[in-house]
Amino acid sequence: LPEGTAAGSIGFWETAWEGEPVYETGWTVLPGLQGRGVATAA
């Protein structure tokens, strides 16, 4: 924002960690939009 440009992908999903059900997250930000705080904000 405010451009409305698609900058990448992010999500969260169920996994297990040391026997506990938890969420995991991961993301990708397109090269031309890195260094602008996009991944941190997302």
PDB file of all heavy atoms in Angstrom:
ATOM      1  N   LEU A   1       0.835  -1.206   0.000  1.00  0.00           N
ATOM      2  CA  LEU A   1       0.000   0.000   0.000  1.00  0.00           C
ATOM      3  C   LEU A   1       0.869   1.255   0.000  1.00  0.00           C
ATOM      4  O   LEU A   1       1.961   1.239   0.541  1.00  0.00           O
ATOM      5  CB  LEU A   1      -0.898  -0.011   1.246  1.00  0.00           C
ATOM      6  CG  LEU A   1      -1.860  -1.200   1.365  1.00  0.00           C
ATOM      7  CD1 LEU A   1      -2.617  -1.129   2.685  1.00  0.00           C
ATOM      8  CD2 LEU A   1      -2.810  -1.272   0.195  1.00  0.00           C
ATOM      9  N   PRO A   2       0.409   2.318  -0.640  1.00  0.00           N
ATOM     10  CA  PRO A   2      -0.917   2.491  -1.254  1.00  0.00           C
ATOM     11  C   PRO A   2      -0.987   2.033  -2.711  1.00  0.00           C
ATOM     12  O   PRO A   2      -2.034   2.154  -3.351  1.00  0.00           O
ATOM     13  CB  PRO A   2      -1.129   4.003  -1.166  1.00  0.00           C
ATOM     14  CG  PRO A   2       0.260   4.560  -1.342  1.00  0.00           C
ATOM     15  CD  PRO A   2       1.182   3.590  -0.630  1.00  0.00           C
ATOM     16  N   GLU A   3       0.111   1.510  -3.262  1.00  0.00           N
ATOM     17  CA  GLU A   3       0.161   1.195  -4.679  1.00  0.00           C
ATOM     18  C   GLU A   3      -0.816   0.107  -5.100  1.00  0.00           C
ATOM     19  O   GLU A   3      -1.276   0.073  -6.240  1.00  0.00           O
ATOM     20  CB  GLU A   3       1.577   0.772  -5.091  1.00  0.00           C
ATOM     21  CG  GLU A   3       2.644   1.847  -4.899  1.00  0.00           C
ATOM     22  CD  GLU A   3       3.348   1.722  -3.558  1.00  0.00           C
ATOM     23  OE1 GLU A   3       2.666   1.337  -2.580  1.00  0.00           O
ATOM     24  OE2 GLU A   3       4.550   1.996  -3.492  1.00  0.00           O
ATOM     25  N   GLY A   4      -1.096  -0.849  -4.195  1.00  0.00           N
ATOM     26  CA  GLY A   4      -1.923  -1.984  -4.565  1.00  0.00           C
ATOM     27  C   GLY A   4      -1.166  -3.045  -5.330  1.00  0.00           C
ATOM     28  O   GLY A   4      -1.762  -3.902  -5.989  1.00  0.00           O
ATOM     29  N   THR A   5       0.162  -3.009  -5.244  1.00  0.00           N
ATOM     30  CA  THR A   5       1.019  -3.939  -5.974  1.00  0.00           C
ATOM     31  C   THR A   5       1.162  -5.254  -5.219  1.00  0.00           C
ATOM     32  O   THR A   5       1.380  -5.263  -4.001  1.00  0.00           O
ATOM     33  CB  THR A   5       2.421  -3.319  -6.154  1.00  0.00           C
ATOM     34  OG1 THR A   5       2.298  -2.066  -6.828  1.00  0.00           O
ATOM     35  CG2 THR A   5       3.340  -4.241  -6.942  1.00  0.00           C
ATOM     36  N   ALA A   6       1.071  -6.373  -5.933  1.00  0.00           N
ATOM     37  CA  ALA A   6       1.340  -7.677  -5.330  1.00  0.00           C
ATOM     38  C   ALA A   6       2.834  -7.764  -5.033  1.00  0.00           C
ATOM     39  O   ALA A   6       3.669  -7.622  -5.928  1.00  0.00           O
ATOM     40  CB  ALA A   6       0.917  -8.796  -6.267  1.00  0.00           C
ATOM     41  N   ALA A   7       3.173  -7.976  -3.771  1.00  0.00           N
ATOM     42  CA  ALA A   7       4.566  -7.920  -3.340  1.00  0.00           C
ATOM     43  C   ALA A   7       5.153  -9.282  -2.998  1.00  0.00           C
ATOM     44  O   ALA A   7       6.364  -9.411  -2.847  1.00  0.00           O
ATOM     45  CB  ALA A   7       4.699  -6.999  -2.126  1.00  0.00           C
ATOM     46  N   GLY A   8       4.302 -10.305  -2.845  1.00  0.00           N
ATOM     47  CA  GLY A   8       4.819 -11.615  -2.478  1.00  0.00           C
ATOM     48  C   GLY A   8       3.745 -12.452  -1.812  1.00  0.00           C
ATOM     49  O   GLY A   8       2.547 -12.177  -1.946  1.00  0.00           O
ATOM     50  N   SER A   9       4.181 -13.468  -1.098  1.00  0.00           N
ATOM     51  CA  SER A   9       3.249 -14.382  -0.433  1.00  0.00           C
ATOM     52  C   SER A   9       3.654 -14.595   1.018  1.00  0.00           C
ATOM     53  O   SER A   9       4.826 -14.465   1.373  1.00  0.00           O
ATOM     54  CB  SER A   9       3.212 -15.732  -1.156  1.00  0.00           C
ATOM     55  OG  SER A   9       4.486 -16.370  -1.071  1.00  0.00           O
ATOM     56  N   ILE A  10       2.660 -14.928   1.836  1.00  0.00           N
ATOM     57  CA  ILE A  10       2.902 -15.242   3.236  1.00  0.00           C
ATOM     58  C   ILE A  10       1.747 -16.113   3.714  1.00  0.00           C
ATOM     59  O   ILE A  10       0.655 -16.088   3.123  1.00  0.00           O
ATOM     60  CB  ILE A  10       3.020 -13.968   4.104  1.00  0.00           C
ATOM     61  CG1 ILE A  10       3.568 -14.286   5.497  1.00  0.00           C
ATOM     62  CG2 ILE A  10       1.691 -13.227   4.181  1.00  0.00           C
ATOM     63  CD1 ILE A  10       4.002 -13.055   6.292  1.00  0.00           C
ATOM     64  N   GLY A  11       1.973 -16.867   4.754  1.00  0.00           N
ATOM     65  CA  GLY A  11       0.896 -17.674   5.298  1.00  0.00           C
ATOM     66  C   GLY A  11       1.255 -18.228   6.658  1.00  0.00           C
ATOM     67  O   GLY A  11       2.363 -18.023   7.168  1.00  0.00           O
ATOM     68  N   PHE A  12       0.281 -18.908   7.245  1.00  0.00           N
ATOM     69  CA  PHE A  12       0.539 -19.647   8.478  1.00  0.00           C
ATOM     70  C   PHE A  12      -0.302 -20.910   8.424  1.00  0.00           C
ATOM     71  O   PHE A  12      -1.364 -20.948   7.807  1.00  0.00           O
ATOM     72  CB  PHE A  12       0.251 -18.809   9.727  1.00  0.00           C
ATOM     73  CG  PHE A  12      -1.195 -18.454   9.951  1.00  0.00           C
ATOM     74  CD1 PHE A  12      -1.948 -19.097  10.935  1.00  0.00           C
ATOM     75  CD2 PHE A  12      -1.818 -17.461   9.204  1.00  0.00           C
ATOM     76  CE1 PHE A  12      -3.273 -18.761  11.154  1.00  0.00           C
ATOM     77  CE2 PHE A  12      -3.147 -17.117   9.415  1.00  0.00           C
ATOM     78  CZ  PHE A  12      -3.877 -17.768  10.393  1.00  0.00           C
ATOM     79  N   TRP A  13       0.203 -21.973   9.024  1.00  0.00           N
ATOM     80  CA  TRP A  13      -0.423 -23.285   8.906  1.00  0.00           C
ATOM     81  C   TRP A  13      -0.082 -24.119  10.125  1.00  0.00           C
ATOM     82  O   TRP A  13       0.803 -23.784  10.909  1.00  0.00           O
ATOM     83  CB  TRP A  13       0.079 -23.993   7.640  1.00  0.00           C
ATOM     84  CG  TRP A  13       1.565 -24.059   7.567  1.00  0.00           C
ATOM     85  CD1 TRP A  13       2.382 -25.055   8.026  1.00  0.00           C
ATOM     86  CD2 TRP A  13       2.438 -23.066   7.015  1.00  0.00           C
ATOM     87  NE1 TRP A  13       3.702 -24.743   7.810  1.00  0.00           N
ATOM     88  CE2 TRP A  13       3.765 -23.525   7.183  1.00  0.00           C
ATOM     89  CE3 TRP A  13       2.223 -21.822   6.391  1.00  0.00           C
ATOM     90  CZ2 TRP A  13       4.869 -22.791   6.759  1.00  0.00           C
ATOM     91  CZ3 TRP A  13       3.331 -21.102   5.968  1.00  0.00           C
ATOM     92  CH2 TRP A  13       4.627 -21.597   6.152  1.00  0.00           C
ATOM     93  N   GLU A  14      -0.791 -25.219  10.269  1.00  0.00           N
ATOM     94  CA  GLU A  14      -0.573 -26.105  11.405  1.00  0.00           C
ATOM     95  C   GLU A  14       0.610 -27.025  11.160  1.00  0.00           C
ATOM     96  O   GLU A  14       0.792 -27.564  10.068  1.00  0.00           O
ATOM     97  CB  GLU A  14      -1.812 -26.966  11.654  1.00  0.00           C
ATOM     98  CG  GLU A  14      -1.665 -27.920  12.828  1.00  0.00           C
ATOM     99  CD  GLU A  14      -2.901 -28.777  13.067  1.00  0.00           C
ATOM    100  OE1 GLU A  14      -3.856 -28.672  12.258  1.00  0.00           O
ATOM    101  OE2 GLU A  14      -2.912 -29.538  14.048  1.00  0.00           O
ATOM    102  N   THR A  15       1.428 -27.202  12.187  1.00  0.00           N
ATOM    103  CA  THR A  15       2.483 -28.190  12.191  1.00  0.00           C
ATOM    104  C   THR A  15       2.652 -28.670  13.638  1.00  0.00           C
ATOM    105  O   THR A  15       1.831 -28.340  14.489  1.00  0.00           O
ATOM    106  CB  THR A  15       3.796 -27.608  11.613  1.00  0.00           C
ATOM    107  OG1 THR A  15       4.753 -28.658  11.423  1.00  0.00           O
ATOM    108  CG2 THR A  15       4.381 -26.533  12.507  1.00  0.00           C
ATOM    109  N   ALA A  16       3.677 -29.454  13.895  1.00  0.00           N
ATOM    110  CA  ALA A  16       3.937 -29.925  15.258  1.00  0.00           C
ATOM    111  C   ALA A  16       5.375 -29.607  15.624  1.00  0.00           C
ATOM    112  O   ALA A  16       6.281 -29.707  14.783  1.00  0.00           O
ATOM    113  CB  ALA A  16       3.680 -31.425  15.371  1.00  0.00           C
ATOM    114  N   TRP A  17       5.579 -29.211  16.859  1.00  0.00           N
ATOM    115  CA  TRP A  17       6.915 -28.917  17.363  1.00  0.00           C
ATOM    116  C   TRP A  17       7.061 -29.547  18.737  1.00  0.00           C
ATOM    117  O   TRP A  17       6.340 -29.201  19.663  1.00  0.00           O
ATOM    118  CB  TRP A  17       7.144 -27.412  17.442  1.00  0.00           C
ATOM    119  CG  TRP A  17       8.503 -27.037  17.958  1.00  0.00           C
ATOM    120  CD1 TRP A  17       8.812 -26.513  19.177  1.00  0.00           C
ATOM    121  CD2 TRP A  17       9.749 -27.162  17.267  1.00  0.00           C
ATOM    122  NE1 TRP A  17      10.153 -26.295  19.289  1.00  0.00           N
ATOM    123  CE2 TRP A  17      10.762 -26.693  18.132  1.00  0.00           C
ATOM    124  CE3 TRP A  17      10.097 -27.623  15.996  1.00  0.00           C
ATOM    125  CZ2 TRP A  17      12.103 -26.675  17.767  1.00  0.00           C
ATOM    126  CZ3 TRP A  17      11.439 -27.610  15.631  1.00  0.00           C
ATOM    127  CH2 TRP A  17      12.420 -27.142  16.518  1.00  0.00           C
ATOM    128  N   GLU A  18       7.958 -30.530  18.822  1.00  0.00           N
ATOM    129  CA  GLU A  18       8.206 -31.248  20.073  1.00  0.00           C
ATOM    130  C   GLU A  18       6.903 -31.759  20.684  1.00  0.00           C
ATOM    131  O   GLU A  18       6.645 -31.635  21.886  1.00  0.00           O
ATOM    132  CB  GLU A  18       8.984 -30.355  21.048  1.00  0.00           C
ATOM    133  CG  GLU A  18      10.359 -29.965  20.510  1.00  0.00           C
ATOM    134  CD  GLU A  18      11.165 -29.096  21.462  1.00  0.00           C
ATOM    135  OE1 GLU A  18      10.558 -28.538  22.413  1.00  0.00           O
ATOM    136  OE2 GLU A  18      12.388 -28.988  21.267  1.00  0.00           O
ATOM    137  N   GLY A  19       6.067 -32.330  19.829  1.00  0.00           N
ATOM    138  CA  GLY A  19       4.827 -32.945  20.270  1.00  0.00           C
ATOM    139  C   GLY A  19       3.659 -32.006  20.486  1.00  0.00           C
ATOM    140  O   GLY A  19       2.562 -32.441  20.829  1.00  0.00           O
ATOM    141  N   GLU A  20       3.873 -30.712  20.268  1.00  0.00           N
ATOM    142  CA  GLU A  20       2.831 -29.704  20.492  1.00  0.00           C
ATOM    143  C   GLU A  20       2.296 -29.204  19.156  1.00  0.00           C
ATOM    144  O   GLU A  20       3.077 -28.854  18.266  1.00  0.00           O
ATOM    145  CB  GLU A  20       3.412 -28.519  21.271  1.00  0.00           C
ATOM    146  CG  GLU A  20       2.439 -27.364  21.453  1.00  0.00           C
ATOM    147  CD  GLU A  20       3.112 -26.096  21.966  1.00  0.00           C
ATOM    148  OE1 GLU A  20       4.349 -26.088  22.115  1.00  0.00           O
ATOM    149  OE2 GLU A  20       2.383 -25.116  22.208  1.00  0.00           O
ATOM    150  N   PRO A  21       0.959 -29.170  18.972  1.00  0.00           N
ATOM    151  CA  PRO A  21       0.433 -28.550  17.753  1.00  0.00           C
ATOM    152  C   PRO A  21       0.658 -27.046  17.796  1.00  0.00           C
ATOM    153  O   PRO A  21       0.349 -26.384  18.791  1.00  0.00           O
ATOM    154  CB  PRO A  21      -1.061 -28.901  17.800  1.00  0.00           C
ATOM    155  CG  PRO A  21      -1.356 -29.109  19.244  1.00  0.00           C
ATOM    156  CD  PRO A  21      -0.096 -29.668  19.861  1.00  0.00           C
ATOM    157  N   VAL A  22       1.232 -26.502  16.718  1.00  0.00           N
ATOM    158  CA  VAL A  22       1.590 -25.087  16.667  1.00  0.00           C
ATOM    159  C   VAL A  22       1.315 -24.564  15.265  1.00  0.00           C
ATOM    160  O   VAL A  22       1.039 -25.316  14.335  1.00  0.00           O
ATOM    161  CB  VAL A  22       3.086 -24.871  17.020  1.00  0.00           C
ATOM    162  CG1 VAL A  22       3.395 -25.352  18.432  1.00  0.00           C
ATOM    163  CG2 VAL A  22       4.000 -25.563  16.008  1.00  0.00           C
ATOM    164  N   TYR A  23       1.418 -23.249  15.129  1.00  0.00           N
ATOM    165  CA  TYR A  23       1.425 -22.618  13.817  1.00  0.00           C
ATOM    166  C   TYR A  23       2.871 -22.444  13.355  1.00  0.00           C
ATOM    167  O   TYR A  23       3.776 -22.219  14.163  1.00  0.00           O
ATOM    168  CB  TYR A  23       0.808 -21.224  13.867  1.00  0.00           C
ATOM    169  CG  TYR A  23      -0.671 -21.148  14.110  1.00  0.00           C
ATOM    170  CD1 TYR A  23      -1.161 -20.439  15.215  1.00  0.00           C
ATOM    171  CD2 TYR A  23      -1.586 -21.719  13.234  1.00  0.00           C
ATOM    172  CE1 TYR A  23      -2.516 -20.313  15.437  1.00  0.00           C
ATOM    173  CE2 TYR A  23      -2.953 -21.609  13.459  1.00  0.00           C
ATOM    174  CZ  TYR A  23      -3.413 -20.900  14.553  1.00  0.00           C
ATOM    175  OH  TYR A  23      -4.757 -20.770  14.774  1.00  0.00           O
ATOM    176  N   GLU A  24       3.053 -22.480  12.041  1.00  0.00           N
ATOM    177  CA  GLU A  24       4.334 -22.108  11.425  1.00  0.00           C
ATOM    178  C   GLU A  24       4.046 -21.057  10.367  1.00  0.00           C
ATOM    179  O   GLU A  24       2.977 -21.052   9.749  1.00  0.00           O
ATOM    180  CB  GLU A  24       4.996 -23.323  10.778  1.00  0.00           C
ATOM    181  CG  GLU A  24       6.360 -23.023  10.145  1.00  0.00           C
ATOM    182  CD  GLU A  24       6.977 -24.238   9.463  1.00  0.00           C
ATOM    183  OE1 GLU A  24       6.509 -25.369   9.705  1.00  0.00           O
ATOM    184  OE2 GLU A  24       7.918 -24.040   8.667  1.00  0.00           O
ATOM    185  N   THR A  25       4.978 -20.155  10.149  1.00  0.00           N
ATOM    186  CA  THR A  25       4.821 -19.134   9.121  1.00  0.00           C
ATOM    187  C   THR A  25       6.037 -19.101   8.202  1.00  0.00           C
ATOM    188  O   THR A  25       7.135 -19.511   8.589  1.00  0.00           O
ATOM    189  CB  THR A  25       4.590 -17.738   9.735  1.00  0.00           C
ATOM    190  OG1 THR A  25       4.315 -16.795   8.680  1.00  0.00           O
ATOM    191  CG2 THR A  25       5.786 -17.252  10.532  1.00  0.00           C
ATOM    192  N   GLY A  26       5.813 -18.616   7.000  1.00  0.00           N
ATOM    193  CA  GLY A  26       6.891 -18.417   6.030  1.00  0.00           C
ATOM    194  C   GLY A  26       6.424 -17.440   4.970  1.00  0.00           C
ATOM    195  O   GLY A  26       5.218 -17.256   4.769  1.00  0.00           O
ATOM    196  N   TRP A  27       7.345 -16.790   4.285  1.00  0.00           N
ATOM    197  CA  TRP A  27       6.980 -15.759   3.309  1.00  0.00           C
ATOM    198  C   TRP A  27       8.017 -15.629   2.221  1.00  0.00           C
ATOM    199  O   TRP A  27       9.153 -16.112   2.345  1.00  0.00           O
ATOM    200  CB  TRP A  27       6.811 -14.404   3.998  1.00  0.00           C
ATOM    201  CG  TRP A  27       8.045 -13.911   4.697  1.00  0.00           C
ATOM    202  CD1 TRP A  27       9.119 -13.273   4.135  1.00  0.00           C
ATOM    203  CD2 TRP A  27       8.335 -14.037   6.085  1.00  0.00           C
ATOM    204  NE1 TRP A  27      10.055 -12.978   5.088  1.00  0.00           N
ATOM    205  CE2 TRP A  27       9.602 -13.452   6.294  1.00  0.00           C
ATOM    206  CE3 TRP A  27       7.650 -14.588   7.164  1.00  0.00           C
ATOM    207  CZ2 TRP A  27      10.201 -13.396   7.563  1.00  0.00           C
ATOM    208  CZ3 TRP A  27       8.250 -14.538   8.417  1.00  0.00           C
ATOM    209  CH2 TRP A  27       9.506 -13.941   8.595  1.00  0.00           C
ATOM    210  N   THR A  28       7.625 -14.955   1.156  1.00  0.00           N
ATOM    211  CA  THR A  28       8.517 -14.580   0.067  1.00  0.00           C
ATOM    212  C   THR A  28       8.140 -13.178  -0.398  1.00  0.00           C
ATOM    213  O   THR A  28       6.957 -12.902  -0.598  1.00  0.00           O
ATOM    214  CB  THR A  28       8.405 -15.551  -1.120  1.00  0.00           C
ATOM    215  OG1 THR A  28       8.640 -16.876  -0.689  1.00  0.00           O
ATOM    216  CG2 THR A  28       9.431 -15.196  -2.200  1.00  0.00           C
ATOM    217  N   VAL A  29       9.120 -12.310  -0.564  1.00  0.00           N
ATOM    218  CA  VAL A  29       8.901 -10.960  -1.079  1.00  0.00           C
ATOM    219  C   VAL A  29       9.677 -10.815  -2.384  1.00  0.00           C
ATOM    220  O   VAL A  29      10.849 -11.199  -2.469  1.00  0.00           O
ATOM    221  CB  VAL A  29       9.351  -9.893  -0.058  1.00  0.00           C
ATOM    222  CG1 VAL A  29       9.281  -8.496  -0.666  1.00  0.00           C
ATOM    223  CG2 VAL A  29       8.493  -9.965   1.195  1.00  0.00           C
ATOM    224  N   LEU A  30       9.025 -10.281  -3.398  1.00  0.00           N
ATOM    225  CA  LEU A  30       9.659 -10.119  -4.709  1.00  0.00           C
ATOM    226  C   LEU A  30      10.883  -9.209  -4.619  1.00  0.00           C
ATOM    227  O   LEU A  30      10.887  -8.241  -3.844  1.00  0.00           O
ATOM    228  CB  LEU A  30       8.646  -9.543  -5.700  1.00  0.00           C
ATOM    229  CG  LEU A  30       7.473 -10.466  -6.054  1.00  0.00           C
ATOM    230  CD1 LEU A  30       6.426  -9.703  -6.852  1.00  0.00           C
ATOM    231  CD2 LEU A  30       7.956 -11.686  -6.832  1.00  0.00           C
ATOM    232  N   PRO A  31      11.928  -9.502  -5.401  1.00  0.00           N
ATOM    233  CA  PRO A  31      13.201  -8.766  -5.279  1.00  0.00           C
ATOM    234  C   PRO A  31      13.071  -7.251  -5.383  1.00  0.00           C
ATOM    235  O   PRO A  31      13.688  -6.516  -4.624  1.00  0.00           O
ATOM    236  CB  PRO A  31      14.029  -9.334  -6.437  1.00  0.00           C
ATOM    237  CG  PRO A  31      13.493 -10.707  -6.652  1.00  0.00           C
ATOM    238  CD  PRO A  31      12.019 -10.591  -6.388  1.00  0.00           C
ATOM    239  N   GLY A  32      12.260  -6.765  -6.290  1.00  0.00           N
ATOM    240  CA  GLY A  32      12.158  -5.326  -6.478  1.00  0.00           C
ATOM    241  C   GLY A  32      11.486  -4.593  -5.337  1.00  0.00           C
ATOM    242  O   GLY A  32      11.539  -3.361  -5.268  1.00  0.00           O
ATOM    243  N   LEU A  33      10.886  -5.345  -4.414  1.00  0.00           N
ATOM    244  CA  LEU A  33      10.169  -4.731  -3.295  1.00  0.00           C
ATOM    245  C   LEU A  33      10.800  -5.057  -1.949  1.00  0.00           C
ATOM    246  O   LEU A  33      10.248  -4.711  -0.906  1.00  0.00           O
ATOM    247  CB  LEU A  33       8.704  -5.182  -3.312  1.00  0.00           C
ATOM    248  CG  LEU A  33       7.930  -4.765  -4.567  1.00  0.00           C
ATOM    249  CD1 LEU A  33       6.553  -5.389  -4.583  1.00  0.00           C
ATOM    250  CD2 LEU A  33       7.835  -3.250  -4.659  1.00  0.00           C
ATOM    251  N   GLN A  34      11.951  -5.683  -1.966  1.00  0.00           N
ATOM    252  CA  GLN A  34      12.658  -5.962  -0.725  1.00  0.00           C
ATOM    253  C   GLN A  34      13.349  -4.693  -0.224  1.00  0.00           C
ATOM    254  O   GLN A  34      13.570  -3.746  -0.971  1.00  0.00           O
ATOM    255  CB  GLN A  34      13.675  -7.083  -0.941  1.00  0.00           C
ATOM    256  CG  GLN A  34      13.029  -8.422  -1.255  1.00  0.00           C
ATOM    257  CD  GLN A  34      14.034  -9.514  -1.546  1.00  0.00           C
ATOM    258  OE1 GLN A  34      15.201  -9.414  -1.172  1.00  0.00           O
ATOM    259  NE2 GLN A  34      13.584 -10.567  -2.216  1.00  0.00           N
ATOM    260  N   GLY A  35      13.649  -4.677   1.055  1.00  0.00           N
ATOM    261  CA  GLY A  35      14.312  -3.517   1.640  1.00  0.00           C
ATOM    262  C   GLY A  35      13.379  -2.375   1.970  1.00  0.00           C
ATOM    263  O   GLY A  35      13.823  -1.278   2.310  1.00  0.00           O
ATOM    264  N   ARG A  36      12.054  -2.624   1.916  1.00  0.00           N
ATOM    265  CA  ARG A  36      11.066  -1.570   2.187  1.00  0.00           C
ATOM    266  C   ARG A  36      10.192  -1.892   3.397  1.00  0.00           C
ATOM    267  O   ARG A  36       9.199  -1.234   3.627  1.00  0.00           O
ATOM    268  CB  ARG A  36      10.182  -1.361   0.945  1.00  0.00           C
ATOM    269  CG  ARG A  36      10.970  -0.923  -0.281  1.00  0.00           C
ATOM    270  CD  ARG A  36      10.104  -0.842  -1.524  1.00  0.00           C
ATOM    271  NE  ARG A  36       8.996   0.099  -1.372  1.00  0.00           N
ATOM    272  CZ  ARG A  36       8.129   0.378  -2.360  1.00  0.00           C
ATOM    273  NH1 ARG A  36       8.271  -0.195  -3.541  1.00  0.00           N
ATOM    274  NH2 ARG A  36       7.147   1.229  -2.146  1.00  0.00           N
ATOM    275  N   GLY A  37      10.547  -2.918   4.147  1.00  0.00           N
ATOM    276  CA  GLY A  37       9.769  -3.273   5.323  1.00  0.00           C
ATOM    277  C   GLY A  37       8.567  -4.143   5.036  1.00  0.00           C
ATOM    278  O   GLY A  37       7.739  -4.374   5.925  1.00  0.00           O
ATOM    279  N   VAL A  38       8.454  -4.653   3.813  1.00  0.00           N
ATOM    280  CA  VAL A  38       7.278  -5.433   3.426  1.00  0.00           C
ATOM    281  C   VAL A  38       7.181  -6.731   4.219  1.00  0.00           C
ATOM    282  O   VAL A  38       6.120  -7.080   4.755  1.00  0.00           O
ATOM    283  CB  VAL A  38       7.296  -5.729   1.913  1.00  0.00           C
ATOM    284  CG1 VAL A  38       6.157  -6.665   1.523  1.00  0.00           C
ATOM    285  CG2 VAL A  38       7.221  -4.432   1.114  1.00  0.00           C
ATOM    286  N   ALA A  39       8.275  -7.471   4.311  1.00  0.00           N
ATOM    287  CA  ALA A  39       8.241  -8.754   5.014  1.00  0.00           C
ATOM    288  C   ALA A  39       7.935  -8.574   6.494  1.00  0.00           C
ATOM    289  O   ALA A  39       7.172  -9.348   7.083  1.00  0.00           O
ATOM    290  CB  ALA A  39       9.576  -9.490   4.835  1.00  0.00           C
ATOM    291  N   THR A  40       8.509  -7.560   7.105  1.00  0.00           N
ATOM    292  CA  THR A  40       8.258  -7.315   8.526  1.00  0.00           C
ATOM    293  C   THR A  40       6.800  -6.955   8.764  1.00  0.00           C
ATOM    294  O   THR A  40       6.151  -7.481   9.679  1.00  0.00           O
ATOM    295  CB  THR A  40       9.161  -6.184   9.042  1.00  0.00           C
ATOM    296  OG1 THR A  40      10.522  -6.539   8.813  1.00  0.00           O
ATOM    297  CG2 THR A  40       8.957  -5.958  10.538  1.00  0.00           C
ATOM    298  N   ALA A  41       6.254  -6.061   7.938  1.00  0.00           N
ATOM    299  CA  ALA A  41       4.859  -5.657   8.096  1.00  0.00           C
ATOM    300  C   ALA A  41       3.920  -6.836   7.847  1.00  0.00           C
ATOM    301  O   ALA A  41       2.936  -7.024   8.567  1.00  0.00           O
ATOM    302  CB  ALA A  41       4.543  -4.511   7.144  1.00  0.00           C
ATOM    303  N   ALA A  42       4.214  -7.632   6.831  1.00  0.00           N
ATOM    304  CA  ALA A  42       3.363  -8.781   6.523  1.00  0.00           C
ATOM    305  C   ALA A  42       3.422  -9.816   7.640  1.00  0.00           C
ATOM    306  O   ALA A  42       2.405 -10.430   7.992  1.00  0.00           O
ATOM    307  CB  ALA A  42       3.782  -9.401   5.196  1.00  0.00           C
TER     308      ALA A  42
END
